[in-house]
Amino acid sequence: MPWCALATAAAVLAGLQLSTPNLIGNDSYFHIRYAAVVREAGVRGFPPPFPWLPLTILAPDRYADHHMLYHVLLAPFTLVDLRLGGKLAGLAGAVAFVVAFAWFLRRERVPGLALALLALGASSADFLFRLSMTRVQALSLACLLAGFLFALAHRHLALAVLGCVYAWLYDGFPLLALPVGATVFAELLVERRLRPGIALAALAGVTVGLVANPYYPEYLSFMWHHLGDKILAGESIRIGREWLPYDPASLLANTLPAMLYVALGIAVMTERGLLRDRGALAALMVTLSFLALTLRQKRFVEYFAPSATVFVALAAGPFVARLGRGRKAVLVAMLSVIAVANVAGVAWELARRREETPHDRYAAAALFVARESPPGAMLCTTDWDDFPWLYFHNVESTYLVGLDPTYFRNRFRDAYWQWVGISTGRVVEPSRLLSTRFPCAYVMSDREHGAFLELAARDPGLEEVVSNEHMVLYRVRRDAPPPVYPTALE
């Protein structure tokens, strides 16, 4: 095991966390705060209720935690300050993946592990950025690597256990079908043998994980709402940018090294025969699948970049190991320059966002509402992705929309589009809807929603109570106290 290389990788990842006082990524604030709720509930109170988005598909009577095991794993990190704990958890997840990457290549007897780790750092800047988030993706990658290794070794029981754990960890567990299915198909092509046992073992494990789940069967319904809207074409809706495709320039900037890895691996395999190595062939299938997904939605770069690195290590590792000292030095120098540029670029981006999106950007609004309104009163926002920052500071209130706009749209479609009209400044007197159609006690807007802010300033039904350079918070004037823990719309 290349301990020095692993220590260097861990130090680089720690440096990225230290380059900003903020958590990396919006949803990181939600995950670490909800993990604290899980810890406080304890074993007897698990799973805890989820009252915070009562008008969405995450309402208490239909809630399913699609990161259930991840939130349990985060719970120990909430014993310290939540921001520090979130950063430590993000670092721990990233290091866990890097260790899994090295473990996989060592078990497959790939030479040059230190060089492979360097290639991983050079594969994509966006990959490094997303790997550092306090999100489940790093552990998801580790699960996929373990699944690939178990499939290649035909370890049926290990695959079944992994499938169960993966289903508890994250609703992205269907991705396990890629390495498992690719291995079955590669064996059919290379060895002319069809051995579906590993696929059946993985399926059995996933099935157990789904059924032996405190959120079954709501988990399945949630998966359809969560993933179906992203995969199937539907009405236009502003979702997270990670679900959108790259523009051509950004695609090249973030995936060119990984694409070159694929080209090199294919060239080496073609030279010696494409059907000689089932592991490399299976890795190629997985990598091309993630490339296709990345071309459609940029978030899959976090899977494409490492899978391309695994593929080139399996396919071209022996070839690179035989290079002369001079050529190998040139290769190391090139990868080092790209890796350093990637790390510097991510650190610069994190520093740039330090003032733009500080961890306390909405703390004043969140704390004011928690203090001045009864528990369960609803805080509305003009943007769905403001929720994690507010929730991080205020778990006393409920929220109209959050985590994903489709969660509200799929529950109350007409009301969702009315909310869009309010937030974009197309409703002249927004308080009329906010106090009747919507059970809002307060409404907060960031400074980017200028059209709404202009109308709100002239609306007698809205009273400005808190403002700063990031947001404005209004109290919604109502004839009666605002409803608490609302379950329906007017």
Protein backbone atom coordinates (compact mmCIF):
# COMPACT_ATOMS: atom_id res chain seq x y z
CA MET A 1 0.00 0.00 0.00
CA PRO A 2 1.58 3.36 -1.02
CA TRP A 3 1.28 4.97 2.40
CA CYS A 4 3.23 8.09 1.42
CA ALA A 5 0.98 8.66 -1.62
CA LEU A 6 -2.14 8.08 0.47
CA ALA A 7 -0.91 10.50 3.11
CA THR A 8 -0.25 13.10 0.42
CA ALA A 9 -3.74 12.62 -1.01
CA ALA A 10 -5.27 12.98 2.46
CA ALA A 11 -3.25 16.15 3.07
CA VAL A 12 -4.44 17.66 -0.21
CA LEU A 13 -8.06 16.86 0.62
CA ALA A 14 -7.61 18.34 4.10
CA GLY A 15 -6.11 21.45 2.53
CA LEU A 16 -9.21 21.89 0.37
CA GLN A 17 -11.41 21.69 3.46
CA LEU A 18 -9.22 24.25 5.24
CA SER A 19 -9.28 26.64 2.29
CA THR A 20 -12.74 27.79 3.34
CA PRO A 21 -14.50 28.20 6.70
CA ASN A 22 -17.74 27.12 5.01
CA LEU A 23 -19.04 23.67 4.32
CA ILE A 24 -18.50 22.69 0.70
CA GLY A 25 -21.80 22.48 -1.19
CA ASN A 26 -25.31 23.65 -0.28
CA ASP A 27 -26.73 20.32 0.80
CA SER A 28 -23.84 19.69 3.19
CA TYR A 29 -25.56 22.02 5.67
CA PHE A 30 -28.72 19.93 5.60
CA HIS A 31 -26.98 16.58 5.92
CA ILE A 32 -24.89 17.44 8.96
CA ARG A 33 -27.81 19.17 10.72
CA TYR A 34 -30.18 16.28 10.07
CA ALA A 35 -27.50 13.87 11.27
CA ALA A 36 -27.62 15.76 14.57
CA VAL A 37 -31.37 15.13 14.67
CA VAL A 38 -30.72 11.42 14.10
CA ARG A 39 -28.15 11.34 16.92
CA GLU A 40 -30.45 13.19 19.31
CA ALA A 41 -33.31 10.79 18.54
CA GLY A 42 -31.13 7.84 19.54
CA VAL A 43 -31.73 4.18 18.84
CA ARG A 44 -35.16 4.15 20.47
CA GLY A 45 -36.32 7.17 18.50
CA PHE A 46 -35.05 5.94 15.13
CA PRO A 47 -36.16 6.82 12.56
CA PRO A 48 -36.94 10.34 13.77
CA PRO A 49 -39.98 12.18 12.38
CA PHE A 50 -39.42 14.66 9.57
CA PRO A 51 -41.88 17.57 10.02
CA TRP A 52 -39.97 20.28 8.13
CA LEU A 53 -41.36 20.03 4.58
CA PRO A 54 -45.00 19.11 5.25
CA LEU A 55 -46.36 20.27 1.88
CA THR A 56 -43.96 18.21 -0.22
CA ILE A 57 -43.48 14.52 -0.95
CA LEU A 58 -41.32 14.57 2.21
CA ALA A 59 -44.34 15.20 4.43
CA PRO A 60 -44.30 13.25 7.72
CA ASP A 61 -46.82 10.67 6.52
CA ARG A 62 -44.80 9.82 3.40
CA TYR A 63 -41.22 10.68 4.29
CA ALA A 64 -38.40 8.37 3.23
CA ASP A 65 -34.77 9.09 4.03
CA HIS A 66 -32.87 8.13 0.88
CA HIS A 67 -29.59 8.71 2.74
CA MET A 68 -30.59 6.73 5.84
CA LEU A 69 -27.32 4.92 6.55
CA TYR A 70 -25.29 7.95 5.51
CA HIS A 71 -27.00 10.10 8.13
CA VAL A 72 -26.34 7.41 10.74
CA LEU A 73 -22.65 7.41 9.78
CA LEU A 74 -22.59 11.20 10.04
CA ALA A 75 -24.09 11.19 13.53
CA PRO A 76 -20.77 10.87 15.44
CA PHE A 77 -19.44 13.94 13.62
CA THR A 78 -22.22 16.02 15.21
CA LEU A 79 -20.72 15.62 18.69
CA VAL A 80 -18.56 18.67 17.93
CA ASP A 81 -19.48 22.01 16.38
CA LEU A 82 -21.64 21.17 13.38
CA ARG A 83 -19.57 23.15 10.91
CA LEU A 84 -16.35 21.51 12.07
CA GLY A 85 -18.07 18.14 12.15
CA GLY A 86 -19.37 18.61 8.64
CA LYS A 87 -15.90 19.40 7.34
CA LEU A 88 -14.38 16.41 9.16
CA ALA A 89 -17.12 14.18 7.73
CA GLY A 90 -16.49 15.49 4.21
CA LEU A 91 -12.78 14.80 4.62
CA ALA A 92 -13.40 11.33 6.07
CA GLY A 93 -15.64 10.37 3.15
CA ALA A 94 -13.14 11.57 0.55
CA VAL A 95 -10.25 9.75 2.24
CA ALA A 96 -12.37 6.59 2.52
CA PHE A 97 -12.86 6.64 -1.24
CA VAL A 98 -9.16 7.21 -1.94
CA VAL A 99 -8.30 4.25 0.31
CA ALA A 100 -10.91 2.13 -1.50
CA PHE A 101 -9.39 3.18 -4.83
CA ALA A 102 -5.90 2.11 -3.74
CA TRP A 103 -7.25 -1.09 -2.19
CA PHE A 104 -9.01 -2.03 -5.41
CA LEU A 105 -5.93 -1.52 -7.58
CA ARG A 106 -3.72 -3.39 -5.12
CA ARG A 107 -6.09 -6.36 -5.05
CA GLU A 108 -6.09 -6.34 -8.87
CA ARG A 109 -2.27 -6.25 -8.82
CA VAL A 110 -2.05 -3.04 -10.80
CA PRO A 111 1.51 -1.64 -10.78
CA GLY A 112 2.25 2.00 -10.02
CA LEU A 113 -0.36 2.80 -7.38
CA ALA A 114 1.23 6.15 -6.55
CA LEU A 115 1.03 7.13 -10.22
CA ALA A 116 -2.61 6.01 -10.33
CA LEU A 117 -3.40 8.23 -7.33
CA LEU A 118 -1.73 11.14 -9.10
CA ALA A 119 -3.81 10.40 -12.21
CA LEU A 120 -6.94 10.40 -10.04
CA GLY A 121 -6.13 13.92 -8.84
CA ALA A 122 -5.55 15.04 -12.41
CA SER A 123 -8.72 13.47 -13.79
CA SER A 124 -11.14 16.36 -13.12
CA ALA A 125 -11.35 19.51 -11.01
CA ASP A 126 -15.12 19.11 -10.62
CA PHE A 127 -14.55 15.60 -9.33
CA LEU A 128 -12.24 16.94 -6.60
CA PHE A 129 -14.78 19.63 -5.71
CA ARG A 130 -17.67 17.21 -5.42
CA LEU A 131 -15.58 14.62 -3.60
CA SER A 132 -14.99 17.20 -0.84
CA MET A 133 -18.68 17.83 -0.17
CA THR A 134 -20.36 16.44 2.92
CA ARG A 135 -22.47 14.22 0.72
CA VAL A 136 -22.85 10.50 0.15
CA GLN A 137 -21.12 10.38 -3.25
CA ALA A 138 -17.67 9.51 -1.90
CA LEU A 139 -19.06 6.47 -0.07
CA SER A 140 -21.16 5.60 -3.12
CA LEU A 141 -17.97 5.47 -5.17
CA ALA A 142 -16.36 3.23 -2.55
CA CYS A 143 -19.38 0.90 -2.76
CA LEU A 144 -19.09 0.71 -6.54
CA LEU A 145 -15.39 -0.14 -6.32
CA ALA A 146 -16.11 -2.84 -3.75
CA GLY A 147 -18.94 -4.17 -5.91
CA PHE A 148 -16.66 -4.32 -8.94
CA LEU A 149 -13.98 -6.17 -6.98
CA PHE A 150 -16.47 -8.64 -5.50
CA ALA A 151 -17.99 -9.23 -8.95
CA LEU A 152 -14.60 -9.93 -10.53
CA ALA A 153 -13.79 -12.36 -7.70
CA HIS A 154 -17.30 -13.93 -7.74
CA ARG A 155 -17.77 -13.31 -4.04
CA HIS A 156 -21.51 -13.81 -3.95
CA LEU A 157 -22.10 -13.36 -0.23
CA ALA A 158 -19.99 -10.21 -0.12
CA LEU A 159 -21.95 -8.81 -3.08
CA ALA A 160 -25.26 -9.59 -1.38
CA VAL A 161 -24.19 -7.84 1.82
CA LEU A 162 -22.88 -4.87 -0.16
CA GLY A 163 -26.15 -4.61 -2.11
CA CYS A 164 -28.10 -4.48 1.15
CA VAL A 165 -25.80 -1.85 2.67
CA TYR A 166 -25.82 0.24 -0.52
CA ALA A 167 -29.63 0.28 -0.58
CA TRP A 168 -29.60 1.63 2.98
CA LEU A 169 -26.87 4.14 2.20
CA TYR A 170 -28.26 5.95 -0.84
CA ASP A 171 -31.00 5.72 -3.44
CA GLY A 172 -28.30 5.72 -6.12
CA PHE A 173 -27.79 2.02 -5.41
CA PRO A 174 -29.08 1.04 -8.92
CA LEU A 175 -25.63 2.16 -10.13
CA LEU A 176 -24.32 -1.12 -8.71
CA ALA A 177 -25.85 -2.78 -11.77
CA LEU A 178 -23.16 -1.18 -13.94
CA PRO A 179 -20.03 -2.93 -12.59
CA VAL A 180 -21.91 -6.16 -11.89
CA GLY A 181 -23.63 -6.28 -15.26
CA ALA A 182 -20.45 -5.24 -17.08
CA THR A 183 -18.54 -8.08 -15.40
CA VAL A 184 -21.13 -10.66 -16.45
CA PHE A 185 -21.07 -9.38 -20.03
CA ALA A 186 -17.27 -9.17 -20.15
CA GLU A 187 -16.96 -12.77 -18.97
CA LEU A 188 -19.38 -13.83 -21.66
CA LEU A 189 -17.27 -12.11 -24.33
CA VAL A 190 -13.83 -13.11 -23.02
CA GLU A 191 -14.45 -16.55 -21.52
CA ARG A 192 -17.58 -17.53 -23.45
CA ARG A 193 -19.26 -18.31 -20.14
CA LEU A 194 -22.48 -16.88 -18.79
CA ARG A 195 -22.33 -16.71 -14.99
CA PRO A 196 -25.25 -14.64 -13.71
CA GLY A 197 -24.73 -15.64 -10.09
CA ILE A 198 -23.09 -12.35 -9.13
CA ALA A 199 -26.00 -10.40 -10.60
CA LEU A 200 -28.49 -12.53 -8.69
CA ALA A 201 -26.50 -12.12 -5.47
CA ALA A 202 -26.39 -8.34 -5.82
CA LEU A 203 -30.11 -8.24 -6.65
CA ALA A 204 -30.93 -10.38 -3.62
CA GLY A 205 -28.95 -8.07 -1.36
CA VAL A 206 -30.57 -4.94 -2.73
CA THR A 207 -34.01 -6.51 -2.34
CA VAL A 208 -33.33 -7.30 1.31
CA GLY A 209 -32.05 -3.75 1.81
CA LEU A 210 -35.22 -2.29 0.34
CA VAL A 211 -37.67 -4.48 2.24
CA ALA A 212 -35.78 -4.48 5.56
CA ASN A 213 -35.92 -0.72 5.63
CA PRO A 214 -37.95 1.37 8.08
CA TYR A 215 -39.09 3.53 5.16
CA TYR A 216 -40.42 0.69 3.01
CA PRO A 217 -42.50 1.03 0.81
CA GLU A 218 -42.33 4.87 0.80
CA TYR A 219 -38.68 4.54 -0.22
CA LEU A 220 -39.68 3.12 -3.61
CA SER A 221 -42.25 5.83 -4.20
CA PHE A 222 -39.72 8.49 -3.29
CA MET A 223 -37.16 7.06 -5.71
CA TRP A 224 -39.62 7.41 -8.54
CA HIS A 225 -40.30 11.05 -7.69
CA HIS A 226 -36.63 11.85 -7.08
CA LEU A 227 -35.04 10.15 -10.07
CA GLY A 228 -37.91 9.92 -12.53
CA ASP A 229 -38.13 13.68 -12.94
CA LYS A 230 -34.40 13.83 -13.69
CA ILE A 231 -34.35 10.97 -16.20
CA LEU A 232 -37.65 11.37 -18.05
CA ALA A 233 -38.47 14.45 -20.09
CA GLY A 234 -41.19 16.60 -18.55
CA GLU A 235 -42.24 20.19 -18.02
CA SER A 236 -39.44 22.71 -17.72
CA ILE A 237 -38.47 23.37 -14.11
CA ARG A 238 -35.42 24.99 -12.58
CA ILE A 239 -33.62 22.18 -10.83
CA GLY A 240 -30.07 22.10 -9.48
CA ARG A 241 -27.35 22.96 -11.97
CA GLU A 242 -25.72 19.59 -11.36
CA TRP A 243 -28.59 17.96 -13.27
CA LEU A 244 -27.90 20.07 -16.37
CA PRO A 245 -25.35 19.23 -19.11
CA TYR A 246 -21.95 20.87 -19.42
CA ASP A 247 -21.42 23.49 -22.08
CA PRO A 248 -18.68 22.36 -24.52
CA ALA A 249 -15.91 24.49 -23.00
CA SER A 250 -16.66 23.36 -19.43
CA LEU A 251 -16.94 19.77 -20.57
CA LEU A 252 -13.43 19.82 -21.99
CA ALA A 253 -12.03 21.71 -19.01
CA ASN A 254 -13.43 19.18 -16.55
CA THR A 255 -13.23 15.88 -18.41
CA LEU A 256 -10.39 16.11 -20.96
CA PRO A 257 -7.83 14.22 -18.83
CA ALA A 258 -10.37 11.48 -18.07
CA MET A 259 -11.27 11.24 -21.76
CA LEU A 260 -7.58 10.91 -22.61
CA TYR A 261 -7.34 8.11 -20.06
CA VAL A 262 -10.13 6.32 -21.90
CA ALA A 263 -8.39 6.82 -25.25
CA LEU A 264 -5.08 5.50 -23.89
CA GLY A 265 -6.72 2.49 -22.30
CA ILE A 266 -8.58 1.62 -25.50
CA ALA A 267 -5.39 2.01 -27.55
CA VAL A 268 -3.47 -0.39 -25.28
CA MET A 269 -6.32 -2.89 -25.23
CA THR A 270 -6.61 -2.76 -29.02
CA GLU A 271 -2.88 -3.39 -29.38
CA ARG A 272 -2.96 -6.54 -27.28
CA GLY A 273 -6.53 -7.60 -28.09
CA LEU A 274 -9.75 -6.15 -26.73
CA LEU A 275 -11.04 -9.49 -25.47
CA ARG A 276 -8.03 -10.57 -23.44
CA ASP A 277 -8.76 -8.94 -20.05
CA ARG A 278 -12.27 -9.23 -18.63
CA GLY A 279 -11.53 -6.73 -15.85
CA ALA A 280 -10.35 -4.00 -18.20
CA LEU A 281 -13.20 -4.72 -20.61
CA ALA A 282 -15.78 -4.48 -17.82
CA ALA A 283 -14.18 -1.26 -16.59
CA LEU A 284 -14.40 0.16 -20.11
CA MET A 285 -18.13 -0.59 -20.24
CA VAL A 286 -18.68 1.11 -16.88
CA THR A 287 -16.60 4.12 -17.90
CA LEU A 288 -18.43 4.60 -21.20
CA SER A 289 -21.75 4.37 -19.35
CA PHE A 290 -20.71 7.12 -16.94
CA LEU A 291 -19.37 9.19 -19.83
CA ALA A 292 -22.78 9.01 -21.51
CA LEU A 293 -24.45 10.07 -18.26
CA THR A 294 -21.96 12.92 -17.81
CA LEU A 295 -22.72 14.24 -21.28
CA ARG A 296 -26.33 14.50 -20.20
CA GLN A 297 -25.93 15.67 -16.59
CA LYS A 298 -22.73 17.15 -15.20
CA ARG A 299 -23.14 15.63 -11.74
CA PHE A 300 -22.02 12.26 -13.11
CA VAL A 301 -18.50 13.59 -13.59
CA GLU A 302 -17.93 12.42 -10.02
CA TYR A 303 -18.38 8.87 -11.32
CA PHE A 304 -16.88 9.23 -14.79
CA ALA A 305 -13.52 10.69 -13.73
CA PRO A 306 -12.64 7.98 -11.17
CA SER A 307 -14.04 5.17 -13.35
CA ALA A 308 -11.87 6.39 -16.24
CA THR A 309 -8.87 6.35 -13.92
CA VAL A 310 -9.65 2.81 -12.79
CA PHE A 311 -10.04 1.74 -16.41
CA VAL A 312 -6.74 3.20 -17.60
CA ALA A 313 -4.97 1.67 -14.58
CA LEU A 314 -6.34 -1.79 -15.39
CA ALA A 315 -5.84 -1.51 -19.14
CA ALA A 316 -2.55 0.42 -19.37
CA GLY A 317 -0.93 -0.07 -15.97
CA PRO A 318 1.52 -2.75 -17.16
CA PHE A 319 2.27 -0.71 -20.29
CA VAL A 320 3.10 2.41 -18.25
CA ALA A 321 5.20 0.34 -15.82
CA ARG A 322 7.42 -0.72 -18.76
CA LEU A 323 8.09 2.84 -19.91
CA GLY A 324 11.63 4.09 -19.72
CA ARG A 325 12.68 6.35 -16.88
CA GLY A 326 12.64 9.46 -19.07
CA ARG A 327 9.18 8.87 -20.51
CA LYS A 328 7.80 8.01 -17.09
CA ALA A 329 9.27 11.22 -15.68
CA VAL A 330 7.54 13.22 -18.42
CA LEU A 331 4.24 11.48 -17.66
CA VAL A 332 4.60 12.16 -13.93
CA ALA A 333 5.43 15.80 -14.63
CA MET A 334 2.39 16.25 -16.87
CA LEU A 335 0.02 14.63 -14.40
CA SER A 336 1.53 16.63 -11.54
CA VAL A 337 0.98 19.92 -13.35
CA ILE A 338 -2.64 19.05 -14.12
CA ALA A 339 -3.31 17.78 -10.60
CA VAL A 340 -1.80 20.91 -9.02
CA ALA A 341 -3.86 23.07 -11.39
CA ASN A 342 -7.02 21.17 -10.43
CA VAL A 343 -6.35 21.53 -6.71
CA ALA A 344 -5.46 25.21 -7.07
CA GLY A 345 -8.58 25.83 -9.14
CA VAL A 346 -10.85 24.18 -6.59
CA ALA A 347 -9.17 26.07 -3.72
CA TRP A 348 -9.57 29.35 -5.61
CA GLU A 349 -13.25 28.63 -6.25
CA LEU A 350 -13.83 27.83 -2.59
CA ALA A 351 -12.08 31.04 -1.57
CA ARG A 352 -14.18 33.01 -4.05
CA ARG A 353 -17.37 31.60 -2.57
CA ARG A 354 -16.21 32.36 0.96
CA GLU A 355 -17.80 35.81 0.94
CA GLU A 356 -20.48 35.09 -1.65
CA THR A 357 -22.08 32.19 0.23
CA PRO A 358 -20.87 32.27 3.86
CA HIS A 359 -22.16 29.65 6.24
CA ASP A 360 -24.14 32.28 8.18
CA ARG A 361 -25.63 34.04 5.15
CA TYR A 362 -29.20 33.39 6.36
CA ALA A 363 -28.51 32.87 10.06
CA ALA A 364 -30.12 36.18 11.07
CA ALA A 365 -33.38 35.30 9.32
CA ALA A 366 -33.45 31.72 10.56
CA LEU A 367 -32.79 32.65 14.17
CA PHE A 368 -35.30 35.52 14.12
CA VAL A 369 -38.10 33.25 12.88
CA ALA A 370 -37.20 30.55 15.41
CA ARG A 371 -37.34 33.13 18.19
CA GLU A 372 -40.41 35.11 17.15
CA SER A 373 -42.79 32.44 15.85
CA PRO A 374 -44.26 29.29 17.40
CA PRO A 375 -42.70 25.91 16.55
CA GLY A 376 -44.05 24.63 13.24
CA ALA A 377 -44.80 28.06 11.76
CA MET A 378 -43.83 28.15 8.09
CA LEU A 379 -40.92 30.10 6.66
CA CYS A 380 -41.29 30.54 2.91
CA THR A 381 -38.47 31.43 0.53
CA THR A 382 -38.22 32.70 -3.03
CA ASP A 383 -35.66 30.04 -3.93
CA TRP A 384 -35.86 26.33 -3.19
CA ASP A 385 -32.12 25.92 -2.58
CA ASP A 386 -32.09 28.38 0.35
CA PHE A 387 -33.51 25.66 2.59
CA PRO A 388 -30.24 23.97 3.74
CA TRP A 389 -28.76 27.22 5.10
CA LEU A 390 -31.96 28.03 6.97
CA TYR A 391 -32.45 24.51 8.28
CA PHE A 392 -28.87 24.45 9.57
CA HIS A 393 -29.77 27.27 11.99
CA ASN A 394 -33.47 26.63 12.54
CA VAL A 395 -35.11 23.23 13.02
CA GLU A 396 -38.07 24.78 14.87
CA SER A 397 -39.88 26.08 11.78
CA THR A 398 -41.38 24.36 8.76
CA TYR A 399 -40.59 25.29 5.17
CA LEU A 400 -42.65 25.54 1.99
CA VAL A 401 -40.05 24.18 -0.42
CA GLY A 402 -36.59 22.74 -0.12
CA LEU A 403 -33.96 20.19 -1.20
CA ASP A 404 -35.51 19.81 -4.65
CA PRO A 405 -38.26 21.87 -6.32
CA THR A 406 -39.94 18.75 -7.71
CA TYR A 407 -40.75 17.62 -4.17
CA PHE A 408 -43.26 20.49 -3.87
CA ARG A 409 -44.31 20.42 -7.53
CA ASN A 410 -45.14 16.71 -7.41
CA ARG A 411 -47.41 17.23 -4.40
CA PHE A 412 -49.20 20.49 -5.35
CA ARG A 413 -48.52 21.27 -8.99
CA ASP A 414 -50.74 24.36 -9.35
CA ALA A 415 -49.51 25.82 -6.05
CA TYR A 416 -45.93 25.26 -7.13
CA TRP A 417 -46.38 27.40 -10.24
CA GLN A 418 -48.12 30.06 -8.16
CA TRP A 419 -45.06 30.10 -5.90
CA VAL A 420 -42.83 30.44 -8.97
CA GLY A 421 -44.93 33.43 -10.04
CA ILE A 422 -44.48 35.04 -6.63
CA SER A 423 -40.73 34.44 -6.49
CA THR A 424 -40.14 35.80 -10.00
CA GLY A 425 -42.13 38.98 -9.42
CA ARG A 426 -45.14 38.13 -11.57
CA VAL A 427 -47.65 38.47 -8.69
CA VAL A 428 -48.23 42.16 -8.01
CA GLU A 429 -49.26 41.79 -4.37
CA PRO A 430 -47.57 38.60 -3.16
CA SER A 431 -48.98 38.81 0.39
CA ARG A 432 -52.45 37.94 -0.91
CA LEU A 433 -51.31 34.44 -1.84
CA LEU A 434 -48.76 34.08 0.94
CA SER A 435 -51.40 34.73 3.59
CA THR A 436 -54.27 32.79 2.02
CA ARG A 437 -53.20 30.13 -0.47
CA PHE A 438 -49.94 29.46 1.38
CA PRO A 439 -49.67 29.12 5.19
CA CYS A 440 -46.62 31.39 5.43
CA ALA A 441 -45.73 33.19 8.63
CA TYR A 442 -42.59 34.72 7.09
CA VAL A 443 -41.07 34.95 3.64
CA MET A 444 -37.37 35.40 2.97
CA SER A 445 -35.77 36.40 -0.31
CA ASP A 446 -32.13 36.53 -1.30
CA ARG A 447 -30.92 39.69 -3.01
CA GLU A 448 -30.96 38.07 -6.44
CA HIS A 449 -34.77 38.13 -6.67
CA GLY A 450 -34.98 41.83 -7.48
CA ALA A 451 -38.44 41.74 -9.07
CA PHE A 452 -39.95 40.15 -5.97
CA LEU A 453 -38.14 42.58 -3.65
CA GLU A 454 -39.49 45.59 -5.55
CA LEU A 455 -43.05 44.34 -5.23
CA ALA A 456 -42.60 43.26 -1.61
CA ALA A 457 -41.35 46.72 -0.63
CA ARG A 458 -44.68 48.20 -1.80
CA ASP A 459 -46.88 45.40 -0.43
CA PRO A 460 -48.75 46.51 2.74
CA GLY A 461 -49.26 42.85 3.64
CA LEU A 462 -45.52 42.30 4.09
CA GLU A 463 -43.52 43.84 6.94
CA GLU A 464 -39.74 43.91 6.62
CA VAL A 465 -38.20 42.67 9.85
CA VAL A 466 -34.59 41.68 9.05
CA SER A 467 -32.29 42.55 6.18
CA ASN A 468 -28.61 42.45 5.31
CA GLU A 469 -26.43 42.21 2.21
CA HIS A 470 -27.60 38.62 1.58
CA MET A 471 -31.34 38.62 2.22
CA VAL A 472 -34.54 40.37 3.31
CA LEU A 473 -37.01 38.75 5.70
CA TYR A 474 -40.68 39.82 5.78
CA ARG A 475 -43.41 39.00 8.25
CA VAL A 476 -46.64 38.07 6.46
CA ARG A 477 -49.47 40.08 8.01
CA ARG A 478 -52.42 37.83 8.77
CA ASP A 479 -55.78 38.30 10.49
CA ALA A 480 -55.15 35.25 12.67
CA PRO A 481 -52.03 33.53 14.00
CA PRO A 482 -50.25 31.53 11.31
CA PRO A 483 -50.97 27.81 11.17
CA VAL A 484 -48.33 25.48 12.56
CA TYR A 485 -47.23 22.21 10.97
CA PRO A 486 -49.66 22.76 8.07
CA THR A 487 -50.72 19.67 6.13
CA ALA A 488 -52.75 21.24 3.32
CA LEU A 489 -53.12 24.38 1.22
CA GLU A 490 -56.15 26.63 1.07
